Protein backbone atom coordinates (compact mmCIF):
# COMPACT_ATOMS: atom_id res chain seq x y z
CA UNK A 1 -19.93 -22.66 -15.34
CA UNK A 2 -18.54 -19.12 -15.09
CA UNK A 3 -15.12 -19.88 -13.65
CA UNK A 4 -14.08 -23.09 -15.37
CA UNK A 5 -10.69 -24.66 -14.82
CA UNK A 6 -11.44 -27.80 -16.82
CA UNK A 7 -9.26 -28.17 -19.91
CA UNK A 8 -6.58 -25.72 -18.72
CA UNK A 9 -3.50 -27.85 -18.16
CA UNK A 10 -0.02 -26.84 -16.99
CA UNK A 11 2.47 -28.72 -19.16
CA UNK A 12 5.78 -26.94 -18.50
CA UNK A 13 7.64 -25.06 -15.76
CA UNK A 14 7.16 -21.70 -17.43
CA UNK A 15 3.38 -22.05 -17.25
CA UNK A 16 3.64 -23.26 -13.66
CA UNK A 17 5.56 -20.11 -12.67
CA UNK A 18 3.17 -17.71 -14.40
CA UNK A 19 1.37 -15.22 -12.20
CA UNK A 20 -2.04 -15.94 -13.73
CA UNK A 21 -2.51 -19.64 -14.39
CA UNK A 22 -6.09 -19.41 -15.61
CA UNK A 23 -7.05 -17.53 -18.75
CA UNK A 24 -10.05 -15.96 -16.95
CA UNK A 25 -7.73 -14.32 -14.43
CA UNK A 26 -5.24 -13.27 -17.10
CA UNK A 27 -7.76 -11.67 -19.44
CA UNK A 28 -9.67 -10.14 -16.54
CA UNK A 29 -6.49 -8.46 -15.34
CA UNK A 30 -5.66 -7.22 -18.83
CA UNK A 31 -9.17 -5.77 -19.11
CA UNK A 32 -8.78 -3.91 -15.81
CA UNK A 33 -5.43 -2.49 -16.92
CA UNK A 34 -6.89 -1.40 -20.26
CA UNK A 35 -9.76 0.38 -18.51
CA UNK A 36 -7.42 2.02 -15.99
CA UNK A 37 -4.87 3.24 -18.55
CA UNK A 38 -6.99 3.91 -21.63
CA UNK A 39 -10.58 4.51 -20.56
CA UNK A 40 -10.50 6.21 -17.16
CA UNK A 41 -8.23 9.14 -18.26
CA UNK A 42 -10.84 10.15 -20.85
CA UNK A 43 -13.96 9.93 -18.69
CA UNK A 44 -12.54 11.00 -15.32
CA UNK A 45 -12.58 14.53 -13.98
CA UNK A 46 -10.17 16.39 -11.70
CA UNK A 47 -12.12 15.37 -8.58
CA UNK A 48 -11.92 11.68 -9.47
CA UNK A 49 -8.18 11.83 -10.02
CA UNK A 50 -7.19 14.12 -7.15
CA UNK A 51 -9.57 13.00 -4.40
CA UNK A 52 -10.32 9.35 -5.16
CA UNK A 53 -8.09 7.48 -7.61
CA UNK A 54 -4.65 8.80 -6.65
CA UNK A 55 -5.08 8.35 -2.86
CA UNK A 56 -6.58 4.91 -3.53
CA UNK A 57 -3.53 3.86 -5.55
CA UNK A 58 -0.99 5.30 -3.10
CA UNK A 59 -2.67 3.73 -0.07
CA UNK A 60 -2.84 0.42 -1.94
CA UNK A 61 0.92 0.59 -2.46
CA UNK A 62 1.49 1.50 1.19
CA UNK A 63 -0.72 -1.39 2.27
CA UNK A 64 1.25 -3.67 -0.05
CA UNK A 65 4.48 -2.61 1.65
CA UNK A 66 3.14 -3.34 5.13
CA UNK A 67 1.54 -6.60 4.00
CA UNK A 68 4.90 -7.91 2.80
CA UNK A 69 6.24 -7.38 6.30
CA UNK A 70 3.24 -8.32 8.43
CA UNK A 71 1.07 -10.53 6.24
CA UNK A 72 3.85 -12.57 4.63
CA UNK A 73 6.81 -12.33 7.04
CA UNK A 74 4.75 -12.12 10.24
CA UNK A 75 6.59 -9.08 11.66
CA UNK A 76 4.28 -6.57 13.33
CA UNK A 77 4.90 -2.89 12.66
CA UNK A 78 3.35 0.46 13.49
CA UNK A 79 6.00 2.56 11.77
CA UNK A 80 4.61 2.50 8.24
CA UNK A 81 3.96 6.24 8.05
CA UNK A 82 7.49 6.96 9.31
CA UNK A 83 9.01 5.02 6.41
CA UNK A 84 6.67 6.85 4.04
CA UNK A 85 7.98 10.13 5.46
CA UNK A 86 11.59 9.02 4.97
CA UNK A 87 10.88 8.18 1.34
CA UNK A 88 9.10 11.48 0.69
CA UNK A 89 11.73 13.72 2.28
CA UNK A 90 14.62 11.71 0.83
CA UNK A 91 13.19 11.89 -2.71
CA UNK A 92 12.61 15.63 -2.25
CA UNK A 93 16.20 16.24 -1.16
CA UNK A 94 17.74 14.03 -3.84
CA UNK A 95 15.85 15.88 -6.56
CA UNK A 96 16.58 19.28 -4.98
CA UNK A 97 20.29 18.86 -4.35
CA UNK A 98 21.38 16.77 -7.36
CA UNK A 99 20.82 18.92 -10.42
CA UNK A 100 19.26 17.15 -13.39
CA UNK A 101 18.37 14.00 -11.45
CA UNK A 102 15.30 12.39 -13.09
CA UNK A 103 12.19 12.18 -10.95
CA UNK A 104 11.92 8.41 -11.20
CA UNK A 105 15.51 8.04 -9.94
CA UNK A 106 14.63 10.36 -7.05
CA UNK A 107 11.71 8.10 -6.18
CA UNK A 108 13.96 5.03 -6.30
CA UNK A 109 16.62 6.67 -4.13
CA UNK A 110 13.93 7.72 -1.68
CA UNK A 111 12.74 4.12 -1.55
CA UNK A 112 16.27 2.81 -0.96
CA UNK A 113 16.80 5.36 1.81
CA UNK A 114 13.60 4.22 3.47
CA UNK A 115 14.79 0.62 3.09
CA UNK A 116 18.03 1.41 4.94
CA UNK A 117 16.10 3.11 7.75
CA UNK A 118 13.68 0.18 7.82
CA UNK A 119 16.55 -2.30 8.25
CA UNK A 120 17.94 -0.23 11.13
CA UNK A 121 14.62 -0.18 12.96
CA UNK A 122 14.13 -3.84 12.08
CA UNK A 123 17.19 -4.90 14.06
CA UNK A 124 15.15 -5.39 17.28
CA UNK A 125 13.20 -8.11 15.44
CA UNK A 126 16.26 -10.32 15.81
CA UNK A 127 15.67 -10.40 19.55
CA UNK A 128 12.00 -9.67 20.14
CA UNK A 129 8.72 -10.48 18.43
CA UNK A 130 4.97 -9.92 18.70
CA UNK A 131 3.67 -6.91 20.61
CA UNK A 132 7.16 -6.07 21.87
CA UNK A 133 8.27 -5.63 18.27
CA UNK A 134 5.16 -3.54 17.63
CA UNK A 135 6.23 -1.11 20.38
CA UNK A 136 9.77 -1.06 18.99
CA UNK A 137 8.59 -0.02 15.53
CA UNK A 138 6.40 2.60 17.18
CA UNK A 139 9.62 4.29 18.27
CA UNK A 140 10.49 4.79 14.60
CA UNK A 141 7.22 6.67 14.13
CA UNK A 142 8.05 9.28 16.77
CA UNK A 143 11.79 9.47 16.12
CA UNK A 144 11.51 10.08 12.37
CA UNK A 145 8.90 12.81 12.78
CA UNK A 146 11.03 14.44 15.48
CA UNK A 147 14.05 14.51 13.16
CA UNK A 148 12.14 16.04 10.23
CA UNK A 149 10.46 18.59 12.50
CA UNK A 150 13.57 19.78 14.35
CA UNK A 151 16.13 19.74 11.55
CA UNK A 152 15.04 22.20 8.89
CA UNK A 153 17.73 21.05 6.43
CA UNK A 154 15.46 18.22 5.32
CA UNK A 155 12.77 20.73 4.27
CA UNK A 156 15.27 23.08 2.60
CA UNK A 157 15.36 25.34 5.69
CA UNK A 158 11.62 25.93 5.61
CA UNK A 159 10.64 27.09 9.10
CA UNK A 160 7.31 25.22 8.93
CA UNK A 161 8.95 21.97 7.80
CA UNK A 162 6.76 21.80 4.68
CA UNK A 163 8.11 20.42 1.41
CA UNK A 164 6.57 21.36 -1.92
CA UNK A 165 6.70 19.12 -4.95
CA UNK A 166 8.38 20.65 -8.02
CA UNK A 167 6.92 20.31 -11.47
CA UNK A 168 6.66 16.65 -12.46
CA UNK A 169 8.68 16.54 -15.69
CA UNK A 170 9.52 12.96 -16.73
CA UNK A 171 10.99 12.09 -20.15
CA UNK A 172 10.22 15.65 -21.31
CA UNK A 173 6.52 15.19 -20.50
CA UNK A 174 4.68 17.23 -17.88
CA UNK A 175 2.80 14.99 -15.44
CA UNK A 176 1.68 17.86 -13.19
CA UNK A 177 -1.93 17.77 -14.41
CA UNK A 178 -4.44 15.60 -12.50
CA UNK A 179 -4.62 13.00 -15.27
CA UNK A 180 -0.82 13.02 -15.61
CA UNK A 181 -0.33 12.47 -11.88
CA UNK A 182 -2.89 9.65 -12.02
CA UNK A 183 -1.13 7.90 -14.90
CA UNK A 184 2.27 8.29 -13.23
CA UNK A 185 0.97 6.87 -9.96
CA UNK A 186 -0.85 4.05 -11.73
CA UNK A 187 2.23 3.04 -13.71
CA UNK A 188 4.44 2.92 -10.61
CA UNK A 189 1.86 1.01 -8.56
CA UNK A 190 1.31 -1.59 -11.30
CA UNK A 191 5.07 -2.11 -11.73
CA UNK A 192 5.64 -2.51 -7.99
CA UNK A 193 2.59 -4.76 -7.73
CA UNK A 194 4.16 -7.14 -10.26
CA UNK A 195 7.44 -6.94 -8.36
CA UNK A 196 5.73 -7.79 -5.07
CA UNK A 197 3.88 -10.71 -6.66
CA UNK A 198 7.15 -12.07 -8.02
CA UNK A 199 8.85 -11.70 -4.64
CA UNK A 200 6.20 -13.56 -2.65
CA UNK A 201 6.26 -16.41 -5.21
CA UNK A 202 10.06 -16.67 -5.03
CA UNK A 203 12.31 -18.47 -2.55
CA UNK A 204 12.43 -15.33 -0.41
CA UNK A 205 8.65 -15.21 -0.20
CA UNK A 206 8.52 -18.84 0.86
CA UNK A 207 11.15 -18.11 3.51
CA UNK A 208 9.05 -15.23 4.81
CA UNK A 209 6.01 -17.45 5.16
CA UNK A 210 8.05 -20.16 6.88
CA UNK A 211 9.34 -17.65 9.44
CA UNK A 212 5.81 -16.30 9.89
CA UNK A 213 4.33 -19.73 10.55
CA UNK A 214 7.08 -21.06 12.85
CA UNK A 215 10.50 -19.43 12.98
CA UNK A 216 12.04 -22.31 14.99
CA UNK A 217 11.11 -24.86 12.33
CA UNK A 218 12.34 -22.47 9.62
CA UNK A 219 15.73 -22.24 11.32
CA UNK A 220 15.90 -26.05 11.58
CA UNK A 221 15.51 -26.48 7.81
CA UNK A 222 18.31 -24.00 7.13
CA UNK A 223 16.57 -20.64 6.66
CA UNK A 224 18.61 -17.71 7.98
CA UNK A 225 16.19 -15.99 10.35
CA UNK A 226 18.12 -12.69 10.74
CA UNK A 227 18.63 -12.31 6.98
CA UNK A 228 14.99 -13.15 6.22
CA UNK A 229 13.60 -10.72 8.78
CA UNK A 230 15.87 -7.84 7.81
CA UNK A 231 15.10 -8.36 4.12
CA UNK A 232 11.40 -8.19 4.99
CA UNK A 233 11.90 -4.87 6.78
CA UNK A 234 14.07 -3.50 3.99
CA UNK A 235 11.81 -4.46 1.07
CA UNK A 236 8.68 -3.42 2.96
CA UNK A 237 10.20 -0.02 3.75
CA UNK A 238 11.26 0.38 0.10
CA UNK A 239 7.64 0.04 -1.00
CA UNK A 240 6.47 2.36 1.77
CA UNK A 241 9.13 4.92 0.87
CA UNK A 242 7.98 5.10 -2.74
CA UNK A 243 4.38 5.30 -1.52
CA UNK A 244 5.39 8.26 0.65
CA UNK A 245 7.02 9.97 -2.34
CA UNK A 246 3.85 9.51 -4.39
CA UNK A 247 1.73 10.72 -1.47
CA UNK A 248 3.75 13.95 -1.30
CA UNK A 249 4.39 14.59 -4.99
CA UNK A 250 1.42 13.22 -6.94
CA UNK A 251 -1.38 13.45 -4.37
CA UNK A 252 -0.89 16.35 -1.95
CA UNK A 253 1.75 18.37 -3.77
CA UNK A 254 2.92 19.71 -0.43
CA UNK A 255 3.30 17.89 2.86
CA UNK A 256 4.66 18.41 6.36
CA UNK A 257 6.16 15.76 8.68
CA UNK A 258 2.96 15.48 10.72
CA UNK A 259 1.16 14.43 7.56
CA UNK A 260 2.78 11.05 8.21
CA UNK A 261 1.66 10.70 11.81
CA UNK A 262 0.51 7.66 13.78
CA UNK A 263 -3.00 7.99 12.37
CA UNK A 264 -1.60 7.27 8.91
CA UNK A 265 0.14 4.15 10.24
CA UNK A 266 -3.13 2.90 11.71
CA UNK A 267 -4.90 3.64 8.43
CA UNK A 268 -2.42 1.45 6.54
CA UNK A 269 -2.77 -1.26 9.17
CA UNK A 270 -6.57 -1.20 8.78
CA UNK A 271 -6.14 -1.55 5.01
CA UNK A 272 -4.32 -4.86 5.28
CA UNK A 273 -6.62 -6.14 8.04
CA UNK A 274 -9.77 -5.35 6.06
CA UNK A 275 -8.29 -6.40 2.72
CA UNK A 276 -6.68 -9.59 3.98
CA UNK A 277 -3.30 -10.52 5.41
CA UNK A 278 -0.93 -12.29 3.06
CA UNK A 279 -2.73 -11.20 -0.11
CA UNK A 280 -1.65 -8.88 -2.93
CA UNK A 281 -5.23 -8.27 -4.08
CA UNK A 282 -6.34 -7.60 -0.51
CA UNK A 283 -4.34 -4.37 -0.36
CA UNK A 284 -6.33 -2.87 -3.24
CA UNK A 285 -9.63 -4.09 -1.83
CA UNK A 286 -8.81 -2.72 1.63
CA UNK A 287 -7.71 0.65 0.22
CA UNK A 288 -10.92 0.87 -1.81
CA UNK A 289 -12.92 0.20 1.37
CA UNK A 290 -11.01 2.88 3.33
CA UNK A 291 -11.14 5.53 0.58
CA UNK A 292 -14.51 4.97 -1.08
CA UNK A 293 -16.79 4.06 1.83
CA UNK A 294 -16.40 7.41 3.68
CA UNK A 295 -17.16 9.27 0.45
CA UNK A 296 -20.24 7.10 -0.10
CA UNK A 297 -21.42 7.64 3.47
CA UNK A 298 -20.84 11.38 3.14
CA UNK A 299 -22.92 11.59 -0.04
CA UNK A 300 -25.74 9.46 1.39
CA UNK A 301 -25.92 11.30 4.71
CA UNK A 302 -25.61 14.66 2.95
CA UNK A 303 -28.58 13.89 0.69
CA UNK A 304 -30.71 12.44 3.50
CA UNK A 305 -29.95 14.86 6.33
CA UNK A 306 -28.84 18.01 4.53
CA UNK A 307 -29.64 20.98 6.76
CA UNK A 308 -31.35 18.84 9.41
CA UNK A 309 -28.18 17.94 11.34
CA UNK A 310 -25.24 20.12 12.33
CA UNK A 311 -22.26 19.48 9.98
CA UNK A 312 -20.01 18.57 12.92
CA UNK A 313 -22.49 16.05 14.29
CA UNK A 314 -23.03 14.68 10.80
CA UNK A 315 -19.29 14.07 10.43
CA UNK A 316 -19.18 12.27 13.78
CA UNK A 317 -22.20 10.20 12.74
CA UNK A 318 -20.37 9.16 9.56
CA UNK A 319 -17.33 8.07 11.61
CA UNK A 320 -19.57 6.00 13.90
CA UNK A 321 -21.15 4.24 10.91
CA UNK A 322 -17.76 3.68 9.30
CA UNK A 323 -16.29 2.18 12.48
CA UNK A 324 -19.36 0.01 13.03
CA UNK A 325 -19.14 -1.35 9.49
CA UNK A 326 -15.47 -2.22 10.01
CA UNK A 327 -16.27 -4.10 13.24
CA UNK A 328 -19.22 -5.90 11.63
CA UNK A 329 -17.15 -6.90 8.63
CA UNK A 330 -14.25 -8.19 10.71
CA UNK A 331 -16.64 -10.30 12.79
CA UNK A 332 -18.32 -11.77 9.72
CA UNK A 333 -15.14 -12.26 7.68
CA UNK A 334 -11.94 -11.91 9.75
CA UNK A 335 -9.79 -13.06 6.83
CA UNK A 336 -10.65 -9.92 4.89
CA UNK A 337 -12.11 -9.01 1.53
CA UNK A 338 -9.58 -11.20 -0.26
CA UNK A 339 -11.23 -14.21 1.37
CA UNK A 340 -14.63 -13.00 0.14
CA UNK A 341 -13.25 -12.90 -3.39
CA UNK A 342 -11.76 -16.39 -3.03
CA UNK A 343 -15.12 -17.71 -1.81
CA UNK A 344 -16.87 -16.12 -4.77
CA UNK A 345 -14.43 -17.79 -7.17
CA UNK A 346 -14.94 -21.16 -5.50
CA UNK A 347 -18.72 -20.85 -5.89
CA UNK A 348 -18.39 -19.67 -9.49
CA UNK A 349 -16.54 -22.85 -10.41
CA UNK A 350 -19.62 -24.98 -9.76
CA UNK A 351 -22.40 -22.53 -10.63
CA UNK A 352 -25.23 -23.29 -11.40
CA UNK A 353 -24.83 -26.90 -10.23
CA UNK A 354 -24.36 -25.87 -6.61
CA UNK A 355 -27.72 -24.16 -6.48
């Protein structure tokens, strides 16, 4: 049997609280980290890092932030890109206006600023829920972009509202190269991934899931609904704010407010729907689907129909295929790619006896 649990016993509380209870999961994760940190930087090229791996990692982190709010706490939101914008512009201004401030501290301060803004726009969740809350968070999307567009101070008085990332010097090392930006992004995403996993396994994570499942019953057993909801908005926005900083500084290098428009919010929402609500792994699977599938479709259609179809029509054809695949997948597996992985693990436990 490939995925055996037999003989692996939990004998103390420390083992029971571990993130990976099975040695297969633990060593598999270590292998993935070793490949990502030690192997990929040597075999990857600039296109891999700049066009595939970095956006995949940043979108995974953004999906993780939204999933904490929607998948675990049950609070709907369409303001994800707005909180990313707050994190990006806040980190830019902290680094610009406080001389000698380390980049990592700028990222953290940008995340905390986004968390404060997230709590403010999360206040309506104390009174409303469901689609009404969705519309309320949509207001954040338009308000934040309006502020950054009309007040040039946030972009250092740039008339176009564009911010440009300075040289990424961290601990006297230059991370401005494609491989350096990849390693910086990977390190931050892995650290925040562990943090998110610890949060959802803690008392706060259990409170989130109780409020998501039935807030009235959660209140009856003593859970503070306002505190739980506002913490969900704050922590989710913190993750989104850091994702926005990485999107601006390690991926694009330069960004304007409309780079964080409503389309970006929908993209993050699709990531958690495709990957799986209430799953840490699902954010990475959903981001891989969103980032890699269009590139695959572009390469396949380009090799099959090169010169035979107008480039504009070919791009529209790719979007039709991409949308159709999303609809087909959601019909076949509405619980997302994380559920597919769970099903595969269940079948691996009894293979080959099941067949």
